[in-house]
Amino acid sequence: MRAAAGGADVVAVDGQRLKQVIENLCRIHPDLRPLILDENGSLHHHLAIFVDGVEVRAGAGLFAEVSADSEVILTPALGGG
């Protein structure tokens, strides 16, 4: 994902909900869009997304609240057996 973000590992983005944060992030770095969202605009299943240390996929998902000082982490989900 860093390559798609111009090598940045941290990007400051505004938004009150995770969906707004991701939309704004993808406006700044359009190459991230296909890595984060599928063709329907839903989060890719291969991502784990945390807002302030809490995984949000099982909860509010894209509608998770994000404050001005929140940290949002996008990371590939790990699988295995």
PDB file of N, CA and C in Angstrom:
ATOM      1  N   MET A   1       0.810  -1.194   0.000  1.00  0.00           N
ATOM      2  CA  MET A   1       0.000   0.000   0.000  1.00  0.00           C
ATOM      3  C   MET A   1       0.859   1.267   0.000  1.00  0.00           C
ATOM      4  N   ARG A   2       2.028   1.183   0.597  1.00  0.00           N
ATOM      5  CA  ARG A   2       2.889   2.372   0.634  1.00  0.00           C
ATOM      6  C   ARG A   2       3.243   2.851  -0.761  1.00  0.00           C
ATOM      7  N   ALA A   3       3.520   1.939  -1.664  1.00  0.00           N
ATOM      8  CA  ALA A   3       3.858   2.331  -3.037  1.00  0.00           C
ATOM      9  C   ALA A   3       2.705   3.105  -3.672  1.00  0.00           C
ATOM     10  N   ALA A   4       1.460   2.657  -3.422  1.00  0.00           N
ATOM     11  CA  ALA A   4       0.282   3.334  -3.970  1.00  0.00           C
ATOM     12  C   ALA A   4       0.033   4.681  -3.291  1.00  0.00           C
ATOM     13  N   ALA A   5       0.631   4.872  -2.127  1.00  0.00           N
ATOM     14  CA  ALA A   5       0.501   6.138  -1.388  1.00  0.00           C
ATOM     15  C   ALA A   5       1.743   6.992  -1.563  1.00  0.00           C
ATOM     16  N   GLY A   6       2.455   6.784  -2.646  1.00  0.00           N
ATOM     17  CA  GLY A   6       3.644   7.590  -2.912  1.00  0.00           C
ATOM     18  C   GLY A   6       4.770   7.360  -1.930  1.00  0.00           C
ATOM     19  N   GLY A   7       4.792   6.190  -1.302  1.00  0.00           N
ATOM     20  CA  GLY A   7       5.832   5.848  -0.342  1.00  0.00           C
ATOM     21  C   GLY A   7       5.524   6.255   1.081  1.00  0.00           C
ATOM     22  N   ALA A   8       4.411   6.949   1.293  1.00  0.00           N
ATOM     23  CA  ALA A   8       4.054   7.415   2.645  1.00  0.00           C
ATOM     24  C   ALA A   8       3.541   6.258   3.494  1.00  0.00           C
ATOM     25  N   ASP A   9       3.976   6.225   4.750  1.00  0.00           N
ATOM     26  CA  ASP A   9       3.417   5.233   5.669  1.00  0.00           C
ATOM     27  C   ASP A   9       2.398   5.862   6.606  1.00  0.00           C
ATOM     28  N   VAL A  10       2.330   7.198   6.621  1.00  0.00           N
ATOM     29  CA  VAL A  10       1.340   7.935   7.409  1.00  0.00           C
ATOM     30  C   VAL A  10       0.805   9.059   6.531  1.00  0.00           C
ATOM     31  N   VAL A  11      -0.529   9.184   6.494  1.00  0.00           N
ATOM     32  CA  VAL A  11      -1.177  10.246   5.722  1.00  0.00           C
ATOM     33  C   VAL A  11      -2.249  10.864   6.610  1.00  0.00           C
ATOM     34  N   ALA A  12      -2.266  12.178   6.740  1.00  0.00           N
ATOM     35  CA  ALA A  12      -3.303  12.874   7.513  1.00  0.00           C
ATOM     36  C   ALA A  12      -4.494  13.123   6.604  1.00  0.00           C
ATOM     37  N   VAL A  13      -5.687  12.689   7.063  1.00  0.00           N
ATOM     38  CA  VAL A  13      -6.907  12.801   6.270  1.00  0.00           C
ATOM     39  C   VAL A  13      -8.054  13.186   7.195  1.00  0.00           C
ATOM     40  N   ASP A  14      -8.948  14.048   6.711  1.00  0.00           N
ATOM     41  CA  ASP A  14     -10.130  14.454   7.482  1.00  0.00           C
ATOM     42  C   ASP A  14     -11.290  13.502   7.246  1.00  0.00           C
ATOM     43  N   GLY A  15     -12.230  13.503   8.184  1.00  0.00           N
ATOM     44  CA  GLY A  15     -13.465  12.739   8.050  1.00  0.00           C
ATOM     45  C   GLY A  15     -14.023  12.397   9.410  1.00  0.00           C
ATOM     46  N   GLN A  16     -15.354  12.359   9.505  1.00  0.00           N
ATOM     47  CA  GLN A  16     -16.011  12.014  10.768  1.00  0.00           C
ATOM     48  C   GLN A  16     -16.406  10.548  10.846  1.00  0.00           C
ATOM     49  N   ARG A  17     -16.454   9.894   9.711  1.00  0.00           N
ATOM     50  CA  ARG A  17     -16.740   8.463   9.615  1.00  0.00           C
ATOM     51  C   ARG A  17     -15.629   7.821   8.797  1.00  0.00           C
ATOM     52  N   LEU A  18     -15.394   6.548   9.005  1.00  0.00           N
ATOM     53  CA  LEU A  18     -14.351   5.838   8.275  1.00  0.00           C
ATOM     54  C   LEU A  18     -14.552   5.971   6.769  1.00  0.00           C
ATOM     55  N   LYS A  19     -15.790   5.915   6.316  1.00  0.00           N
ATOM     56  CA  LYS A  19     -16.075   6.045   4.879  1.00  0.00           C
ATOM     57  C   LYS A  19     -15.537   7.369   4.335  1.00  0.00           C
ATOM     58  N   GLN A  20     -15.729   8.464   5.067  1.00  0.00           N
ATOM     59  CA  GLN A  20     -15.228   9.771   4.634  1.00  0.00           C
ATOM     60  C   GLN A  20     -13.701   9.793   4.624  1.00  0.00           C
ATOM     61  N   VAL A  21     -13.101   9.196   5.630  1.00  0.00           N
ATOM     62  CA  VAL A  21     -11.636   9.147   5.705  1.00  0.00           C
ATOM     63  C   VAL A  21     -11.087   8.395   4.492  1.00  0.00           C
ATOM     64  N   ILE A  22     -11.673   7.251   4.183  1.00  0.00           N
ATOM     65  CA  ILE A  22     -11.196   6.454   3.052  1.00  0.00           C
ATOM     66  C   ILE A  22     -11.426   7.188   1.735  1.00  0.00           C
ATOM     67  N   GLU A  23     -12.587   7.823   1.580  1.00  0.00           N
ATOM     68  CA  GLU A  23     -12.854   8.585   0.352  1.00  0.00           C
ATOM     69  C   GLU A  23     -11.830   9.703   0.184  1.00  0.00           C
ATOM     70  N   ASN A  24     -11.532  10.418   1.259  1.00  0.00           N
ATOM     71  CA  ASN A  24     -10.549  11.500   1.193  1.00  0.00           C
ATOM     72  C   ASN A  24      -9.148  10.966   0.930  1.00  0.00           C
ATOM     73  N   LEU A  25      -8.809   9.837   1.543  1.00  0.00           N
ATOM     74  CA  LEU A  25      -7.512   9.210   1.303  1.00  0.00           C
ATOM     75  C   LEU A  25      -7.372   8.829  -0.176  1.00  0.00           C
ATOM     76  N   CYS A  26      -8.427   8.275  -0.746  1.00  0.00           N
ATOM     77  CA  CYS A  26      -8.389   7.853  -2.147  1.00  0.00           C
ATOM     78  C   CYS A  26      -8.382   9.040  -3.104  1.00  0.00           C
ATOM     79  N   ARG A  27      -8.880  10.179  -2.682  1.00  0.00           N
ATOM     80  CA  ARG A  27      -8.770  11.394  -3.504  1.00  0.00           C
ATOM     81  C   ARG A  27      -7.320  11.866  -3.550  1.00  0.00           C
ATOM     82  N   ILE A  28      -6.641  11.763  -2.403  1.00  0.00           N
ATOM     83  CA  ILE A  28      -5.235  12.178  -2.326  1.00  0.00           C
ATOM     84  C   ILE A  28      -4.340  11.179  -3.053  1.00  0.00           C
ATOM     85  N   HIS A  29      -4.624   9.896  -2.864  1.00  0.00           N
ATOM     86  CA  HIS A  29      -3.824   8.810  -3.457  1.00  0.00           C
ATOM     87  C   HIS A  29      -4.764   7.846  -4.197  1.00  0.00           C
ATOM     88  N   PRO A  30      -5.169   8.185  -5.425  1.00  0.00           N
ATOM     89  CA  PRO A  30      -6.146   7.368  -6.162  1.00  0.00           C
ATOM     90  C   PRO A  30      -5.726   5.914  -6.389  1.00  0.00           C
ATOM     91  N   ASP A  31      -4.438   5.644  -6.411  1.00  0.00           N
ATOM     92  CA  ASP A  31      -3.990   4.267  -6.622  1.00  0.00           C
ATOM     93  C   ASP A  31      -4.342   3.356  -5.444  1.00  0.00           C
ATOM     94  N   LEU A  32      -4.713   3.940  -4.307  1.00  0.00           N
ATOM     95  CA  LEU A  32      -5.109   3.135  -3.153  1.00  0.00           C
ATOM     96  C   LEU A  32      -6.524   2.572  -3.282  1.00  0.00           C
ATOM     97  N   ARG A  33      -7.371   3.246  -4.046  1.00  0.00           N
ATOM     98  CA  ARG A  33      -8.788   2.847  -4.123  1.00  0.00           C
ATOM     99  C   ARG A  33      -8.968   1.354  -4.421  1.00  0.00           C
ATOM    100  N   PRO A  34      -8.364   0.799  -5.472  1.00  0.00           N
ATOM    101  CA  PRO A  34      -8.601  -0.631  -5.743  1.00  0.00           C
ATOM    102  C   PRO A  34      -7.982  -1.562  -4.693  1.00  0.00           C
ATOM    103  N   LEU A  35      -7.088  -1.049  -3.880  1.00  0.00           N
ATOM    104  CA  LEU A  35      -6.499  -1.863  -2.815  1.00  0.00           C
ATOM    105  C   LEU A  35      -7.364  -1.876  -1.558  1.00  0.00           C
ATOM    106  N   ILE A  36      -8.213  -0.855  -1.424  1.00  0.00           N
ATOM    107  CA  ILE A  36      -9.032  -0.714  -0.217  1.00  0.00           C
ATOM    108  C   ILE A  36     -10.490  -1.100  -0.476  1.00  0.00           C
ATOM    109  N   LEU A  37     -11.018  -0.657  -1.629  1.00  0.00           N
ATOM    110  CA  LEU A  37     -12.435  -0.866  -1.943  1.00  0.00           C
ATOM    111  C   LEU A  37     -12.597  -1.774  -3.149  1.00  0.00           C
ATOM    112  N   ASP A  38     -13.625  -2.613  -3.105  1.00  0.00           N
ATOM    113  CA  ASP A  38     -13.911  -3.458  -4.263  1.00  0.00           C
ATOM    114  C   ASP A  38     -14.730  -2.664  -5.283  1.00  0.00           C
ATOM    115  N   GLU A  39     -15.137  -3.311  -6.368  1.00  0.00           N
ATOM    116  CA  GLU A  39     -15.861  -2.616  -7.435  1.00  0.00           C
ATOM    117  C   GLU A  39     -17.225  -2.093  -6.997  1.00  0.00           C
ATOM    118  N   ASN A  40     -17.751  -2.604  -5.866  1.00  0.00           N
ATOM    119  CA  ASN A  40     -19.032  -2.138  -5.331  1.00  0.00           C
ATOM    120  C   ASN A  40     -18.873  -1.039  -4.287  1.00  0.00           C
ATOM    121  N   GLY A  41     -17.625  -0.653  -4.001  1.00  0.00           N
ATOM    122  CA  GLY A  41     -17.381   0.378  -2.992  1.00  0.00           C
ATOM    123  C   GLY A  41     -17.338  -0.157  -1.577  1.00  0.00           C
ATOM    124  N   SER A  42     -17.322  -1.476  -1.432  1.00  0.00           N
ATOM    125  CA  SER A  42     -17.222  -2.109  -0.117  1.00  0.00           C
ATOM    126  C   SER A  42     -15.759  -2.361   0.216  1.00  0.00           C
ATOM    127  N   LEU A  43     -15.479  -2.484   1.495  1.00  0.00           N
ATOM    128  CA  LEU A  43     -14.114  -2.773   1.919  1.00  0.00           C
ATOM    129  C   LEU A  43     -13.695  -4.143   1.409  1.00  0.00           C
ATOM    130  N   HIS A  44     -12.477  -4.222   0.886  1.00  0.00           N
ATOM    131  CA  HIS A  44     -11.951  -5.522   0.474  1.00  0.00           C
ATOM    132  C   HIS A  44     -11.864  -6.444   1.683  1.00  0.00           C
ATOM    133  N   HIS A  45     -12.202  -7.695   1.479  1.00  0.00           N
ATOM    134  CA  HIS A  45     -12.194  -8.673   2.568  1.00  0.00           C
ATOM    135  C   HIS A  45     -10.786  -8.987   3.063  1.00  0.00           C
ATOM    136  N   HIS A  46      -9.762  -8.654   2.293  1.00  0.00           N
ATOM    137  CA  HIS A  46      -8.394  -8.986   2.686  1.00  0.00           C
ATOM    138  C   HIS A  46      -7.743  -7.914   3.571  1.00  0.00           C
ATOM    139  N   LEU A  47      -8.520  -6.910   3.979  1.00  0.00           N
ATOM    140  CA  LEU A  47      -7.983  -5.851   4.834  1.00  0.00           C
ATOM    141  C   LEU A  47      -8.499  -5.962   6.255  1.00  0.00           C
ATOM    142  N   ALA A  48      -7.626  -5.673   7.195  1.00  0.00           N
ATOM    143  CA  ALA A  48      -8.038  -5.475   8.580  1.00  0.00           C
ATOM    144  C   ALA A  48      -7.945  -3.966   8.809  1.00  0.00           C
ATOM    145  N   ILE A  49      -8.994  -3.384   9.372  1.00  0.00           N
ATOM    146  CA  ILE A  49      -9.039  -1.941   9.571  1.00  0.00           C
ATOM    147  C   ILE A  49      -9.317  -1.659  11.035  1.00  0.00           C
ATOM    148  N   PHE A  50      -8.458  -0.833  11.604  1.00  0.00           N
ATOM    149  CA  PHE A  50      -8.545  -0.472  13.018  1.00  0.00           C
ATOM    150  C   PHE A  50      -8.721   1.030  13.151  1.00  0.00           C
ATOM    151  N   VAL A  51      -9.615   1.440  14.038  1.00  0.00           N
ATOM    152  CA  VAL A  51      -9.761   2.845  14.411  1.00  0.00           C
ATOM    153  C   VAL A  51      -9.450   2.914  15.898  1.00  0.00           C
ATOM    154  N   ASP A  52      -8.384   3.617  16.213  1.00  0.00           N
ATOM    155  CA  ASP A  52      -7.917   3.738  17.599  1.00  0.00           C
ATOM    156  C   ASP A  52      -7.741   2.381  18.271  1.00  0.00           C
ATOM    157  N   GLY A  53      -7.175   1.436  17.508  1.00  0.00           N
ATOM    158  CA  GLY A  53      -6.841   0.129  18.049  1.00  0.00           C
ATOM    159  C   GLY A  53      -7.969  -0.879  18.052  1.00  0.00           C
ATOM    160  N   VAL A  54      -9.166  -0.498  17.588  1.00  0.00           N
ATOM    161  CA  VAL A  54     -10.325  -1.402  17.580  1.00  0.00           C
ATOM    162  C   VAL A  54     -10.638  -1.794  16.139  1.00  0.00           C
ATOM    163  N   GLU A  55     -10.671  -3.104  15.864  1.00  0.00           N
ATOM    164  CA  GLU A  55     -11.006  -3.594  14.537  1.00  0.00           C
ATOM    165  C   GLU A  55     -12.477  -3.272  14.285  1.00  0.00           C
ATOM    166  N   VAL A  56     -12.785  -2.620  13.165  1.00  0.00           N
ATOM    167  CA  VAL A  56     -14.130  -2.096  12.945  1.00  0.00           C
ATOM    168  C   VAL A  56     -14.983  -2.927  12.000  1.00  0.00           C
ATOM    169  N   ARG A  57     -14.401  -3.866  11.301  1.00  0.00           N
ATOM    170  CA  ARG A  57     -15.163  -4.622  10.306  1.00  0.00           C
ATOM    171  C   ARG A  57     -16.372  -5.330  10.921  1.00  0.00           C
ATOM    172  N   ALA A  58     -16.219  -5.955  12.065  1.00  0.00           N
ATOM    173  CA  ALA A  58     -17.318  -6.684  12.694  1.00  0.00           C
ATOM    174  C   ALA A  58     -18.339  -5.739  13.332  1.00  0.00           C
ATOM    175  N   GLY A  59     -17.944  -4.489  13.528  1.00  0.00           N
ATOM    176  CA  GLY A  59     -18.844  -3.510  14.140  1.00  0.00           C
ATOM    177  C   GLY A  59     -19.459  -2.595  13.100  1.00  0.00           C
ATOM    178  N   ALA A  60     -19.162  -1.327  13.211  1.00  0.00           N
ATOM    179  CA  ALA A  60     -19.776  -0.302  12.363  1.00  0.00           C
ATOM    180  C   ALA A  60     -19.206  -0.262  10.950  1.00  0.00           C
ATOM    181  N   GLY A  61     -18.067  -0.887  10.707  1.00  0.00           N
ATOM    182  CA  GLY A  61     -17.468  -0.900   9.374  1.00  0.00           C
ATOM    183  C   GLY A  61     -17.206   0.499   8.858  1.00  0.00           C
ATOM    184  N   LEU A  62     -17.649   0.789   7.637  1.00  0.00           N
ATOM    185  CA  LEU A  62     -17.409   2.091   7.025  1.00  0.00           C
ATOM    186  C   LEU A  62     -18.078   3.233   7.780  1.00  0.00           C
ATOM    187  N   PHE A  63     -19.019   2.921   8.652  1.00  0.00           N
ATOM    188  CA  PHE A  63     -19.721   3.964   9.391  1.00  0.00           C
ATOM    189  C   PHE A  63     -19.152   4.185  10.793  1.00  0.00           C
ATOM    190  N   ALA A  64     -17.996   3.570  11.058  1.00  0.00           N
ATOM    191  CA  ALA A  64     -17.322   3.784  12.342  1.00  0.00           C
ATOM    192  C   ALA A  64     -16.971   5.259  12.488  1.00  0.00           C
ATOM    193  N   GLU A  65     -17.186   5.795  13.681  1.00  0.00           N
ATOM    194  CA  GLU A  65     -16.862   7.187  13.946  1.00  0.00           C
ATOM    195  C   GLU A  65     -15.360   7.372  14.064  1.00  0.00           C
ATOM    196  N   VAL A  66     -14.893   8.500  13.546  1.00  0.00           N
ATOM    197  CA  VAL A  66     -13.479   8.845  13.575  1.00  0.00           C
ATOM    198  C   VAL A  66     -13.376  10.270  14.091  1.00  0.00           C
ATOM    199  N   SER A  67     -12.564  10.482  15.124  1.00  0.00           N
ATOM    200  CA  SER A  67     -12.383  11.837  15.645  1.00  0.00           C
ATOM    201  C   SER A  67     -11.149  12.470  15.011  1.00  0.00           C
ATOM    202  N   ALA A  68     -10.979  13.760  15.255  1.00  0.00           N
ATOM    203  CA  ALA A  68      -9.867  14.500  14.655  1.00  0.00           C
ATOM    204  C   ALA A  68      -8.507  13.928  15.042  1.00  0.00           C
ATOM    205  N   ASP A  69      -8.416  13.297  16.208  1.00  0.00           N
ATOM    206  CA  ASP A  69      -7.132  12.754  16.647  1.00  0.00           C
ATOM    207  C   ASP A  69      -7.076  11.224  16.567  1.00  0.00           C
ATOM    208  N   SER A  70      -8.016  10.617  15.854  1.00  0.00           N
ATOM    209  CA  SER A  70      -8.032   9.162  15.713  1.00  0.00           C
ATOM    210  C   SER A  70      -6.903   8.682  14.822  1.00  0.00           C
ATOM    211  N   GLU A  71      -6.495   7.439  15.072  1.00  0.00           N
ATOM    212  CA  GLU A  71      -5.539   6.765  14.216  1.00  0.00           C
ATOM    213  C   GLU A  71      -6.263   5.630  13.519  1.00  0.00           C
ATOM    214  N   VAL A  72      -6.226   5.642  12.186  1.00  0.00           N
ATOM    215  CA  VAL A  72      -6.838   4.592  11.379  1.00  0.00           C
ATOM    216  C   VAL A  72      -5.695   3.795  10.757  1.00  0.00           C
ATOM    217  N   ILE A  73      -5.745   2.483  10.951  1.00  0.00           N
ATOM    218  CA  ILE A  73      -4.707   1.614  10.412  1.00  0.00           C
ATOM    219  C   ILE A  73      -5.358   0.649   9.425  1.00  0.00           C
ATOM    220  N   LEU A  74      -4.792   0.601   8.224  1.00  0.00           N
ATOM    221  CA  LEU A  74      -5.210  -0.347   7.189  1.00  0.00           C
ATOM    222  C   LEU A  74      -4.071  -1.329   7.020  1.00  0.00           C
ATOM    223  N   THR A  75      -4.347  -2.597   7.178  1.00  0.00           N
ATOM    224  CA  THR A  75      -3.295  -3.603   7.077  1.00  0.00           C
ATOM    225  C   THR A  75      -3.861  -4.874   6.444  1.00  0.00           C
ATOM    226  N   PRO A  76      -3.051  -5.579   5.670  1.00  0.00           N
ATOM    227  CA  PRO A  76      -3.540  -6.840   5.122  1.00  0.00           C
ATOM    228  C   PRO A  76      -3.951  -7.796   6.251  1.00  0.00           C
ATOM    229  N   ALA A  77      -5.100  -8.423   6.076  1.00  0.00           N
ATOM    230  CA  ALA A  77      -5.555  -9.403   7.046  1.00  0.00           C
ATOM    231  C   ALA A  77      -4.722 -10.669   6.907  1.00  0.00           C
ATOM    232  N   LEU A  78      -4.404 -11.280   8.019  1.00  0.00           N
ATOM    233  CA  LEU A  78      -3.628 -12.520   8.012  1.00  0.00           C
ATOM    234  C   LEU A  78      -4.559 -13.703   8.063  1.00  0.00           C
ATOM    235  N   GLY A  79      -4.230 -14.718   7.343  1.00  0.00           N
ATOM    236  CA  GLY A  79      -5.030 -15.930   7.358  1.00  0.00           C
ATOM    237  C   GLY A  79      -4.099 -17.132   7.444  1.00  0.00           C
ATOM    238  N   GLY A  80      -4.670 -18.234   7.620  1.00  0.00           N
ATOM    239  CA  GLY A  80      -3.851 -19.437   7.691  1.00  0.00           C
ATOM    240  C   GLY A  80      -4.593 -20.521   8.420  1.00  0.00           C
ATOM    241  N   GLY A  81      -3.884 -21.547   8.700  1.00  0.00           N
ATOM    242  CA  GLY A  81      -4.567 -22.631   9.380  1.00  0.00           C
ATOM    243  C   GLY A  81      -3.582 -23.558  10.025  1.00  0.00           C
TER     244      GLY A  81
END
